[in-house]
Amino acid sequence: MDREPTSTKLHSLTDASPELGGTSVWTLRKHIAQGNIRVTKLGRRVFLTSEEIARIKLEGLPSLRSRK
């Protein structure tokens, strides 16, 4: 089976934070826990793909205050 190489860049939460308008790492972690952000895990480390960052920039994130 030949697979096409993927060129998806992974960003740590610290690196993704400034790209997302300075959203804090802890806020990103809360969104991850609620399932609002898709992540890639390598061991215990958590990364966001370039595509996920682009999606968040386009769609935004829901408010963490609205808990039902």
PDB file of N, CA and C in Angstrom:
ATOM      1  N   MET A   1       0.835  -1.187   0.000  1.00  0.00           N
ATOM      2  CA  MET A   1       0.000   0.000   0.000  1.00  0.00           C
ATOM      3  C   MET A   1       0.877   1.246   0.000  1.00  0.00           C
ATOM      4  N   ASP A   2       0.721   2.043  -0.991  1.00  0.00           N
ATOM      5  CA  ASP A   2       1.453   3.299  -1.039  1.00  0.00           C
ATOM      6  C   ASP A   2       0.607   4.387  -0.405  1.00  0.00           C
ATOM      7  N   ARG A   3       1.226   5.057   0.529  1.00  0.00           N
ATOM      8  CA  ARG A   3       0.536   6.170   1.176  1.00  0.00           C
ATOM      9  C   ARG A   3       1.202   7.457   0.753  1.00  0.00           C
ATOM     10  N   GLU A   4       0.379   8.467   0.540  1.00  0.00           N
ATOM     11  CA  GLU A   4       0.933   9.768   0.217  1.00  0.00           C
ATOM     12  C   GLU A   4       1.459  10.401   1.493  1.00  0.00           C
ATOM     13  N   PRO A   5       2.625  11.008   1.428  1.00  0.00           N
ATOM     14  CA  PRO A   5       3.152  11.646   2.627  1.00  0.00           C
ATOM     15  C   PRO A   5       2.302  12.850   3.010  1.00  0.00           C
ATOM     16  N   THR A   6       2.042  12.985   4.273  1.00  0.00           N
ATOM     17  CA  THR A   6       1.268  14.127   4.749  1.00  0.00           C
ATOM     18  C   THR A   6       2.240  15.163   5.295  1.00  0.00           C
ATOM     19  N   SER A   7       1.920  16.390   5.077  1.00  0.00           N
ATOM     20  CA  SER A   7       2.794  17.461   5.539  1.00  0.00           C
ATOM     21  C   SER A   7       2.071  18.322   6.567  1.00  0.00           C
ATOM     22  N   THR A   8       1.368  17.676   7.458  1.00  0.00           N
ATOM     23  CA  THR A   8       0.655  18.389   8.504  1.00  0.00           C
ATOM     24  C   THR A   8       1.641  18.781   9.594  1.00  0.00           C
ATOM     25  N   LYS A   9       1.672  20.053   9.902  1.00  0.00           N
ATOM     26  CA  LYS A   9       2.564  20.532  10.942  1.00  0.00           C
ATOM     27  C   LYS A   9       1.832  20.476  12.277  1.00  0.00           C
ATOM     28  N   LEU A  10       2.537  20.017  13.301  1.00  0.00           N
ATOM     29  CA  LEU A  10       1.973  19.967  14.640  1.00  0.00           C
ATOM     30  C   LEU A  10       2.491  21.146  15.450  1.00  0.00           C
ATOM     31  N   HIS A  11       1.582  21.740  16.226  1.00  0.00           N
ATOM     32  CA  HIS A  11       1.917  22.893  17.054  1.00  0.00           C
ATOM     33  C   HIS A  11       1.618  22.559  18.512  1.00  0.00           C
ATOM     34  N   SER A  12       2.553  22.854  19.391  1.00  0.00           N
ATOM     35  CA  SER A  12       2.283  22.686  20.817  1.00  0.00           C
ATOM     36  C   SER A  12       1.261  23.746  21.226  1.00  0.00           C
ATOM     37  N   LEU A  13       0.660  23.577  22.374  1.00  0.00           N
ATOM     38  CA  LEU A  13      -0.314  24.562  22.844  1.00  0.00           C
ATOM     39  C   LEU A  13       0.350  25.921  23.050  1.00  0.00           C
ATOM     40  N   THR A  14       1.599  25.908  23.509  1.00  0.00           N
ATOM     41  CA  THR A  14       2.336  27.153  23.718  1.00  0.00           C
ATOM     42  C   THR A  14       2.551  27.878  22.394  1.00  0.00           C
ATOM     43  N   ASP A  15       2.841  27.129  21.336  1.00  0.00           N
ATOM     44  CA  ASP A  15       3.040  27.731  20.019  1.00  0.00           C
ATOM     45  C   ASP A  15       1.715  28.156  19.382  1.00  0.00           C
ATOM     46  N   ALA A  16       0.657  27.422  19.637  1.00  0.00           N
ATOM     47  CA  ALA A  16      -0.642  27.725  19.043  1.00  0.00           C
ATOM     48  C   ALA A  16      -1.305  28.929  19.699  1.00  0.00           C
ATOM     49  N   SER A  17      -1.012  29.171  20.955  1.00  0.00           N
ATOM     50  CA  SER A  17      -1.653  30.242  21.701  1.00  0.00           C
ATOM     51  C   SER A  17      -1.547  31.612  21.014  1.00  0.00           C
ATOM     52  N   PRO A  18      -0.356  32.075  20.647  1.00  0.00           N
ATOM     53  CA  PRO A  18      -0.285  33.385  19.971  1.00  0.00           C
ATOM     54  C   PRO A  18      -0.968  33.390  18.605  1.00  0.00           C
ATOM     55  N   GLU A  19      -0.964  32.260  17.910  1.00  0.00           N
ATOM     56  CA  GLU A  19      -1.616  32.182  16.606  1.00  0.00           C
ATOM     57  C   GLU A  19      -3.129  32.309  16.729  1.00  0.00           C
ATOM     58  N   LEU A  20      -3.657  31.984  17.902  1.00  0.00           N
ATOM     59  CA  LEU A  20      -5.108  32.052  18.142  1.00  0.00           C
ATOM     60  C   LEU A  20      -5.472  33.310  18.914  1.00  0.00           C
ATOM     61  N   GLY A  21      -4.738  34.376  18.662  1.00  0.00           N
ATOM     62  CA  GLY A  21      -5.063  35.662  19.260  1.00  0.00           C
ATOM     63  C   GLY A  21      -4.677  35.785  20.714  1.00  0.00           C
ATOM     64  N   GLY A  22      -3.737  34.988  21.173  1.00  0.00           N
ATOM     65  CA  GLY A  22      -3.290  35.070  22.554  1.00  0.00           C
ATOM     66  C   GLY A  22      -4.171  34.307  23.526  1.00  0.00           C
ATOM     67  N   THR A  23      -4.989  33.412  23.025  1.00  0.00           N
ATOM     68  CA  THR A  23      -5.793  32.561  23.899  1.00  0.00           C
ATOM     69  C   THR A  23      -4.852  31.776  24.810  1.00  0.00           C
ATOM     70  N   SER A  24      -5.110  31.791  26.101  1.00  0.00           N
ATOM     71  CA  SER A  24      -4.183  31.154  27.029  1.00  0.00           C
ATOM     72  C   SER A  24      -4.164  29.639  26.861  1.00  0.00           C
ATOM     73  N   VAL A  25      -3.052  29.051  27.249  1.00  0.00           N
ATOM     74  CA  VAL A  25      -2.897  27.605  27.184  1.00  0.00           C
ATOM     75  C   VAL A  25      -3.960  26.925  28.043  1.00  0.00           C
ATOM     76  N   TRP A  26      -4.273  27.497  29.191  1.00  0.00           N
ATOM     77  CA  TRP A  26      -5.273  26.892  30.080  1.00  0.00           C
ATOM     78  C   TRP A  26      -6.665  26.937  29.468  1.00  0.00           C
ATOM     79  N   THR A  27      -6.972  28.012  28.739  1.00  0.00           N
ATOM     80  CA  THR A  27      -8.257  28.087  28.052  1.00  0.00           C
ATOM     81  C   THR A  27      -8.313  27.040  26.946  1.00  0.00           C
ATOM     82  N   LEU A  28      -7.213  26.872  26.212  1.00  0.00           N
ATOM     83  CA  LEU A  28      -7.160  25.833  25.185  1.00  0.00           C
ATOM     84  C   LEU A  28      -7.371  24.463  25.806  1.00  0.00           C
ATOM     85  N   ARG A  29      -6.749  24.219  26.958  1.00  0.00           N
ATOM     86  CA  ARG A  29      -6.912  22.932  27.640  1.00  0.00           C
ATOM     87  C   ARG A  29      -8.367  22.692  28.048  1.00  0.00           C
ATOM     88  N   LYS A  30      -9.062  23.737  28.489  1.00  0.00           N
ATOM     89  CA  LYS A  30     -10.474  23.599  28.855  1.00  0.00           C
ATOM     90  C   LYS A  30     -11.316  23.236  27.636  1.00  0.00           C
ATOM     91  N   HIS A  31     -11.026  23.881  26.507  1.00  0.00           N
ATOM     92  CA  HIS A  31     -11.754  23.562  25.275  1.00  0.00           C
ATOM     93  C   HIS A  31     -11.462  22.134  24.823  1.00  0.00           C
ATOM     94  N   ILE A  32     -10.231  21.689  24.988  1.00  0.00           N
ATOM     95  CA  ILE A  32      -9.883  20.313  24.635  1.00  0.00           C
ATOM     96  C   ILE A  32     -10.675  19.345  25.508  1.00  0.00           C
ATOM     97  N   ALA A  33     -10.750  19.625  26.804  1.00  0.00           N
ATOM     98  CA  ALA A  33     -11.474  18.760  27.741  1.00  0.00           C
ATOM     99  C   ALA A  33     -12.959  18.691  27.390  1.00  0.00           C
ATOM    100  N   GLN A  34     -13.520  19.773  26.877  1.00  0.00           N
ATOM    101  CA  GLN A  34     -14.936  19.793  26.502  1.00  0.00           C
ATOM    102  C   GLN A  34     -15.176  19.244  25.100  1.00  0.00           C
ATOM    103  N   GLY A  35     -14.103  18.953  24.378  1.00  0.00           N
ATOM    104  CA  GLY A  35     -14.246  18.390  23.042  1.00  0.00           C
ATOM    105  C   GLY A  35     -14.414  19.419  21.939  1.00  0.00           C
ATOM    106  N   ASN A  36     -14.132  20.679  22.223  1.00  0.00           N
ATOM    107  CA  ASN A  36     -14.272  21.727  21.215  1.00  0.00           C
ATOM    108  C   ASN A  36     -13.081  21.794  20.267  1.00  0.00           C
ATOM    109  N   ILE A  37     -11.943  21.238  20.687  1.00  0.00           N
ATOM    110  CA  ILE A  37     -10.724  21.263  19.888  1.00  0.00           C
ATOM    111  C   ILE A  37     -10.241  19.833  19.713  1.00  0.00           C
ATOM    112  N   ARG A  38      -9.955  19.471  18.460  1.00  0.00           N
ATOM    113  CA  ARG A  38      -9.389  18.149  18.168  1.00  0.00           C
ATOM    114  C   ARG A  38      -7.873  18.238  18.293  1.00  0.00           C
ATOM    115  N   VAL A  39      -7.283  17.268  18.958  1.00  0.00           N
ATOM    116  CA  VAL A  39      -5.842  17.287  19.187  1.00  0.00           C
ATOM    117  C   VAL A  39      -5.204  15.993  18.696  1.00  0.00           C
ATOM    118  N   THR A  40      -3.897  16.043  18.582  1.00  0.00           N
ATOM    119  CA  THR A  40      -3.082  14.873  18.297  1.00  0.00           C
ATOM    120  C   THR A  40      -2.187  14.670  19.498  1.00  0.00           C
ATOM    121  N   LYS A  41      -2.205  13.466  20.043  1.00  0.00           N
ATOM    122  CA  LYS A  41      -1.380  13.181  21.213  1.00  0.00           C
ATOM    123  C   LYS A  41      -0.212  12.294  20.819  1.00  0.00           C
ATOM    124  N   LEU A  42       0.952  12.656  21.289  1.00  0.00           N
ATOM    125  CA  LEU A  42       2.152  11.837  21.155  1.00  0.00           C
ATOM    126  C   LEU A  42       2.654  11.588  22.568  1.00  0.00           C
ATOM    127  N   GLY A  43       2.355  10.414  23.069  1.00  0.00           N
ATOM    128  CA  GLY A  43       2.645  10.153  24.473  1.00  0.00           C
ATOM    129  C   GLY A  43       1.744  11.011  25.324  1.00  0.00           C
ATOM    130  N   ARG A  44       2.334  11.779  26.213  1.00  0.00           N
ATOM    131  CA  ARG A  44       1.548  12.687  27.055  1.00  0.00           C
ATOM    132  C   ARG A  44       1.443  14.083  26.471  1.00  0.00           C
ATOM    133  N   ARG A  45       2.179  14.328  25.403  1.00  0.00           N
ATOM    134  CA  ARG A  45       2.189  15.660  24.805  1.00  0.00           C
ATOM    135  C   ARG A  45       0.975  15.854  23.904  1.00  0.00           C
ATOM    136  N   VAL A  46       0.475  17.085  23.875  1.00  0.00           N
ATOM    137  CA  VAL A  46      -0.740  17.423  23.124  1.00  0.00           C
ATOM    138  C   VAL A  46      -0.376  18.458  22.065  1.00  0.00           C
ATOM    139  N   PHE A  47      -0.815  18.208  20.827  1.00  0.00           N
ATOM    140  CA  PHE A  47      -0.528  19.103  19.720  1.00  0.00           C
ATOM    141  C   PHE A  47      -1.797  19.435  18.952  1.00  0.00           C
ATOM    142  N   LEU A  48      -1.796  20.604  18.312  1.00  0.00           N
ATOM    143  CA  LEU A  48      -2.848  21.001  17.393  1.00  0.00           C
ATOM    144  C   LEU A  48      -2.258  20.986  15.988  1.00  0.00           C
ATOM    145  N   THR A  49      -3.032  20.502  15.030  1.00  0.00           N
ATOM    146  CA  THR A  49      -2.569  20.511  13.648  1.00  0.00           C
ATOM    147  C   THR A  49      -2.794  21.905  13.062  1.00  0.00           C
ATOM    148  N   SER A  50      -2.086  22.183  11.978  1.00  0.00           N
ATOM    149  CA  SER A  50      -2.269  23.461  11.278  1.00  0.00           C
ATOM    150  C   SER A  50      -3.705  23.610  10.804  1.00  0.00           C
ATOM    151  N   GLU A  51      -4.301  22.492  10.385  1.00  0.00           N
ATOM    152  CA  GLU A  51      -5.685  22.523   9.919  1.00  0.00           C
ATOM    153  C   GLU A  51      -6.648  22.880  11.047  1.00  0.00           C
ATOM    154  N   GLU A  52      -6.394  22.357  12.238  1.00  0.00           N
ATOM    155  CA  GLU A  52      -7.265  22.655  13.384  1.00  0.00           C
ATOM    156  C   GLU A  52      -7.145  24.122  13.781  1.00  0.00           C
ATOM    157  N   ILE A  53      -5.934  24.657  13.741  1.00  0.00           N
ATOM    158  CA  ILE A  53      -5.741  26.079  14.046  1.00  0.00           C
ATOM    159  C   ILE A  53      -6.494  26.926  13.022  1.00  0.00           C
ATOM    160  N   ALA A  54      -6.401  26.563  11.753  1.00  0.00           N
ATOM    161  CA  ALA A  54      -7.121  27.297  10.704  1.00  0.00           C
ATOM    162  C   ALA A  54      -8.630  27.215  10.924  1.00  0.00           C
ATOM    163  N   ARG A  55      -9.127  26.040  11.326  1.00  0.00           N
ATOM    164  CA  ARG A  55     -10.560  25.880  11.589  1.00  0.00           C
ATOM    165  C   ARG A  55     -11.002  26.782  12.741  1.00  0.00           C
ATOM    166  N   ILE A  56     -10.201  26.834  13.794  1.00  0.00           N
ATOM    167  CA  ILE A  56     -10.554  27.658  14.957  1.00  0.00           C
ATOM    168  C   ILE A  56     -10.550  29.137  14.573  1.00  0.00           C
ATOM    169  N   LYS A  57      -9.571  29.548  13.769  1.00  0.00           N
ATOM    170  CA  LYS A  57      -9.523  30.941  13.318  1.00  0.00           C
ATOM    171  C   LYS A  57     -10.761  31.289  12.495  1.00  0.00           C
ATOM    172  N   LEU A  58     -11.216  30.347  11.685  1.00  0.00           N
ATOM    173  CA  LEU A  58     -12.371  30.580  10.815  1.00  0.00           C
ATOM    174  C   LEU A  58     -13.683  30.541  11.596  1.00  0.00           C
ATOM    175  N   GLU A  59     -13.863  29.501  12.418  1.00  0.00           N
ATOM    176  CA  GLU A  59     -15.139  29.283  13.105  1.00  0.00           C
ATOM    177  C   GLU A  59     -15.189  29.887  14.507  1.00  0.00           C
ATOM    178  N   GLY A  60     -14.048  30.052  15.145  1.00  0.00           N
ATOM    179  CA  GLY A  60     -14.024  30.513  16.522  1.00  0.00           C
ATOM    180  C   GLY A  60     -14.311  29.368  17.483  1.00  0.00           C
ATOM    181  N   LEU A  61     -14.334  29.682  18.760  1.00  0.00           N
ATOM    182  CA  LEU A  61     -14.625  28.698  19.800  1.00  0.00           C
ATOM    183  C   LEU A  61     -15.852  29.140  20.584  1.00  0.00           C
ATOM    184  N   PRO A  62     -16.660  28.190  21.053  1.00  0.00           N
ATOM    185  CA  PRO A  62     -17.828  28.571  21.853  1.00  0.00           C
ATOM    186  C   PRO A  62     -17.400  29.111  23.209  1.00  0.00           C
ATOM    187  N   SER A  63     -18.295  29.835  23.825  1.00  0.00           N
ATOM    188  CA  SER A  63     -18.023  30.382  25.135  1.00  0.00           C
ATOM    189  C   SER A  63     -17.925  29.259  26.165  1.00  0.00           C
ATOM    190  N   LEU A  64     -17.001  29.399  27.088  1.00  0.00           N
ATOM    191  CA  LEU A  64     -16.888  28.424  28.172  1.00  0.00           C
ATOM    192  C   LEU A  64     -17.889  28.703  29.285  1.00  0.00           C
ATOM    193  N   ARG A  65     -18.494  29.874  29.265  1.00  0.00           N
ATOM    194  CA  ARG A  65     -19.448  30.249  30.320  1.00  0.00           C
ATOM    195  C   ARG A  65     -20.800  29.574  30.159  1.00  0.00           C
ATOM    196  N   SER A  66     -21.158  29.238  28.932  1.00  0.00           N
ATOM    197  CA  SER A  66     -22.498  28.662  28.707  1.00  0.00           C
ATOM    198  C   SER A  66     -22.465  27.177  29.028  1.00  0.00           C
ATOM    199  N   ARG A  67     -22.836  26.845  30.234  1.00  0.00           N
ATOM    200  CA  ARG A  67     -22.908  25.446  30.671  1.00  0.00           C
ATOM    201  C   ARG A  67     -24.360  25.104  30.919  1.00  0.00           C
ATOM    202  N   LYS A  68     -24.813  24.051  30.254  1.00  0.00           N
ATOM    203  CA  LYS A  68     -26.223  23.663  30.408  1.00  0.00           C
ATOM    204  C   LYS A  68     -26.306  22.311  31.030  1.00  0.00           C
TER     205      LYS A  68
END
